Amino acid sequence: MGALRTLIVPLLILIAAGVLGGAVLVRFVVREIRRVNRELDEAREAKLDDRDGIRTLRRDPDSDTFRPS
């Protein structure tokens, strides 16, 4: 029984350390995903703001060509 106890305790410590390490890793990954998504959202917003100054083209019915409006 003594040999079994000396084997189980270190095994439980390793399992607990693995679970704790996994939780830390998941938390890190979630933070990184949120950070990257925030940066992408900011880039999309900036790109949409740049479109305000672009002129659109409209078809000229007389010549069937597109001209800036």
N, C-alpha and C. Protein backbone atom coordinates (compact mmCIF):
# COMPACT_ATOMS: atom_id res chain seq x y z
N MET A 1 0.82 -1.19 0.00
CA MET A 1 0.00 0.00 0.00
C MET A 1 0.86 1.26 0.00
N GLY A 2 2.00 1.21 0.68
CA GLY A 2 2.89 2.37 0.76
C GLY A 2 3.47 2.72 -0.60
N ALA A 3 3.81 1.69 -1.39
CA ALA A 3 4.38 1.93 -2.71
C ALA A 3 3.34 2.55 -3.65
N LEU A 4 2.12 2.11 -3.51
CA LEU A 4 1.04 2.66 -4.34
C LEU A 4 0.80 4.13 -4.01
N ARG A 5 0.83 4.47 -2.72
CA ARG A 5 0.62 5.85 -2.30
C ARG A 5 1.73 6.76 -2.82
N THR A 6 2.98 6.29 -2.80
CA THR A 6 4.08 7.11 -3.30
C THR A 6 4.01 7.28 -4.80
N LEU A 7 3.32 6.42 -5.50
CA LEU A 7 3.15 6.55 -6.94
C LEU A 7 1.98 7.46 -7.29
N ILE A 8 0.90 7.41 -6.50
CA ILE A 8 -0.31 8.18 -6.81
C ILE A 8 -0.13 9.67 -6.55
N VAL A 9 0.52 10.03 -5.45
CA VAL A 9 0.65 11.45 -5.10
C VAL A 9 1.41 12.23 -6.18
N PRO A 10 2.59 11.77 -6.64
CA PRO A 10 3.26 12.53 -7.71
C PRO A 10 2.44 12.55 -9.00
N LEU A 11 1.71 11.49 -9.28
CA LEU A 11 0.87 11.44 -10.46
C LEU A 11 -0.24 12.49 -10.37
N LEU A 12 -0.87 12.63 -9.22
CA LEU A 12 -1.91 13.63 -9.04
C LEU A 12 -1.33 15.04 -9.15
N ILE A 13 -0.12 15.24 -8.65
CA ILE A 13 0.52 16.54 -8.77
C ILE A 13 0.79 16.87 -10.24
N LEU A 14 1.25 15.90 -11.00
CA LEU A 14 1.47 16.12 -12.44
C LEU A 14 0.17 16.43 -13.17
N ILE A 15 -0.87 15.71 -12.83
CA ILE A 15 -2.17 15.97 -13.48
C ILE A 15 -2.67 17.36 -13.14
N ALA A 16 -2.55 17.75 -11.87
CA ALA A 16 -2.99 19.09 -11.46
C ALA A 16 -2.17 20.17 -12.17
N ALA A 17 -0.87 19.95 -12.30
CA ALA A 17 -0.02 20.93 -12.98
C ALA A 17 -0.39 21.01 -14.46
N GLY A 18 -0.72 19.90 -15.07
CA GLY A 18 -1.14 19.89 -16.47
C GLY A 18 -2.44 20.63 -16.68
N VAL A 19 -3.40 20.43 -15.79
CA VAL A 19 -4.68 21.13 -15.88
C VAL A 19 -4.48 22.63 -15.70
N LEU A 20 -3.66 23.01 -14.73
CA LEU A 20 -3.39 24.42 -14.49
C LEU A 20 -2.68 25.06 -15.69
N GLY A 21 -1.71 24.36 -16.24
CA GLY A 21 -1.01 24.86 -17.43
C GLY A 21 -1.94 25.00 -18.62
N GLY A 22 -2.85 24.05 -18.78
CA GLY A 22 -3.83 24.12 -19.86
C GLY A 22 -4.75 25.31 -19.71
N ALA A 23 -5.18 25.59 -18.48
CA ALA A 23 -6.05 26.74 -18.23
C ALA A 23 -5.33 28.05 -18.54
N VAL A 24 -4.06 28.13 -18.16
CA VAL A 24 -3.28 29.33 -18.45
C VAL A 24 -3.12 29.50 -19.96
N LEU A 25 -2.86 28.42 -20.66
CA LEU A 25 -2.70 28.47 -22.11
C LEU A 25 -4.00 28.92 -22.79
N VAL A 26 -5.12 28.39 -22.37
CA VAL A 26 -6.42 28.77 -22.95
C VAL A 26 -6.69 30.25 -22.71
N ARG A 27 -6.39 30.72 -21.52
CA ARG A 27 -6.61 32.14 -21.21
C ARG A 27 -5.74 33.03 -22.10
N PHE A 28 -4.49 32.64 -22.31
CA PHE A 28 -3.59 33.40 -23.17
C PHE A 28 -4.11 33.45 -24.60
N VAL A 29 -4.53 32.31 -25.12
CA VAL A 29 -5.03 32.23 -26.49
C VAL A 29 -6.29 33.08 -26.66
N VAL A 30 -7.18 33.05 -25.70
CA VAL A 30 -8.41 33.84 -25.79
C VAL A 30 -8.07 35.33 -25.81
N ARG A 31 -7.13 35.76 -24.97
CA ARG A 31 -6.73 37.17 -24.97
C ARG A 31 -6.13 37.57 -26.31
N GLU A 32 -5.30 36.72 -26.88
CA GLU A 32 -4.69 37.03 -28.18
C GLU A 32 -5.74 37.12 -29.27
N ILE A 33 -6.69 36.22 -29.26
CA ILE A 33 -7.76 36.24 -30.27
C ILE A 33 -8.55 37.53 -30.17
N ARG A 34 -8.87 37.94 -28.96
CA ARG A 34 -9.62 39.19 -28.77
C ARG A 34 -8.80 40.39 -29.23
N ARG A 35 -7.49 40.39 -28.93
CA ARG A 35 -6.63 41.50 -29.33
C ARG A 35 -6.55 41.60 -30.86
N VAL A 36 -6.36 40.47 -31.52
CA VAL A 36 -6.26 40.47 -32.98
C VAL A 36 -7.59 40.90 -33.60
N ASN A 37 -8.70 40.42 -33.07
CA ASN A 37 -10.00 40.82 -33.61
C ASN A 37 -10.25 42.31 -33.42
N ARG A 38 -9.81 42.86 -32.29
CA ARG A 38 -9.95 44.30 -32.06
C ARG A 38 -9.14 45.09 -33.09
N GLU A 39 -7.92 44.64 -33.37
CA GLU A 39 -7.10 45.31 -34.38
C GLU A 39 -7.73 45.22 -35.77
N LEU A 40 -8.28 44.07 -36.09
CA LEU A 40 -8.93 43.91 -37.40
C LEU A 40 -10.16 44.79 -37.51
N ASP A 41 -10.95 44.89 -36.45
CA ASP A 41 -12.12 45.76 -36.47
C ASP A 41 -11.71 47.22 -36.67
N GLU A 42 -10.65 47.65 -35.99
CA GLU A 42 -10.17 49.02 -36.15
C GLU A 42 -9.69 49.27 -37.58
N ALA A 43 -9.03 48.28 -38.17
CA ALA A 43 -8.56 48.43 -39.55
C ALA A 43 -9.74 48.51 -40.52
N ARG A 44 -10.77 47.71 -40.27
CA ARG A 44 -11.96 47.76 -41.13
C ARG A 44 -12.64 49.12 -41.03
N GLU A 45 -12.76 49.63 -39.82
CA GLU A 45 -13.38 50.94 -39.63
C GLU A 45 -12.58 52.03 -40.35
N ALA A 46 -11.27 51.97 -40.26
CA ALA A 46 -10.42 52.97 -40.93
C ALA A 46 -10.58 52.86 -42.44
N LYS A 47 -10.70 51.65 -42.94
CA LYS A 47 -10.85 51.46 -44.38
C LYS A 47 -12.19 52.01 -44.86
N LEU A 48 -13.24 51.82 -44.06
CA LEU A 48 -14.55 52.34 -44.44
C LEU A 48 -14.56 53.86 -44.40
N ASP A 49 -13.83 54.45 -43.46
CA ASP A 49 -13.77 55.91 -43.39
C ASP A 49 -13.06 56.50 -44.59
N ASP A 50 -12.11 55.77 -45.17
CA ASP A 50 -11.37 56.25 -46.33
C ASP A 50 -12.25 56.30 -47.57
N ARG A 51 -13.33 55.57 -47.60
CA ARG A 51 -14.19 55.51 -48.77
C ARG A 51 -15.03 56.76 -48.94
N ASP A 52 -15.14 57.58 -47.93
CA ASP A 52 -16.02 58.75 -48.00
C ASP A 52 -15.57 59.74 -49.08
N GLY A 53 -14.27 59.83 -49.34
CA GLY A 53 -13.77 60.79 -50.31
C GLY A 53 -13.74 60.28 -51.74
N ILE A 54 -14.11 59.05 -51.97
CA ILE A 54 -14.05 58.46 -53.31
C ILE A 54 -15.30 58.86 -54.09
N ARG A 55 -15.10 59.32 -55.31
CA ARG A 55 -16.22 59.68 -56.16
C ARG A 55 -16.77 58.42 -56.82
N THR A 56 -18.07 58.42 -57.07
CA THR A 56 -18.70 57.27 -57.72
C THR A 56 -18.87 57.53 -59.20
N LEU A 57 -19.03 56.46 -59.94
CA LEU A 57 -19.25 56.57 -61.38
C LEU A 57 -20.72 56.35 -61.68
N ARG A 58 -21.23 57.13 -62.61
CA ARG A 58 -22.61 56.98 -63.06
C ARG A 58 -22.62 56.87 -64.59
N ARG A 59 -23.55 56.08 -65.08
CA ARG A 59 -23.64 55.88 -66.53
C ARG A 59 -24.26 57.10 -67.19
N ASP A 60 -23.60 57.56 -68.24
CA ASP A 60 -24.12 58.68 -69.04
C ASP A 60 -25.03 58.08 -70.11
N PRO A 61 -26.33 58.39 -70.07
CA PRO A 61 -27.25 57.76 -71.02
C PRO A 61 -27.00 58.17 -72.47
N ASP A 62 -26.38 59.31 -72.70
CA ASP A 62 -26.16 59.76 -74.07
C ASP A 62 -25.02 58.98 -74.73
N SER A 63 -23.95 58.74 -73.99
CA SER A 63 -22.79 58.08 -74.61
C SER A 63 -22.58 56.64 -74.12
N ASP A 64 -23.40 56.19 -73.19
CA ASP A 64 -23.26 54.84 -72.62
C ASP A 64 -21.89 54.60 -71.99
N THR A 65 -21.27 55.63 -71.50
CA THR A 65 -20.00 55.49 -70.79
C THR A 65 -20.22 55.90 -69.33
N PHE A 66 -19.32 55.47 -68.50
CA PHE A 66 -19.40 55.84 -67.09
C PHE A 66 -18.54 57.05 -66.82
N ARG A 67 -19.12 58.01 -66.12
CA ARG A 67 -18.42 59.26 -65.81
C ARG A 67 -18.52 59.50 -64.30
N PRO A 68 -17.53 60.21 -63.75
CA PRO A 68 -17.61 60.54 -62.31
C PRO A 68 -18.79 61.45 -62.04
N SER A 69 -19.42 61.22 -60.92
CA SER A 69 -20.59 62.04 -60.58
C SER A 69 -20.19 63.18 -59.66
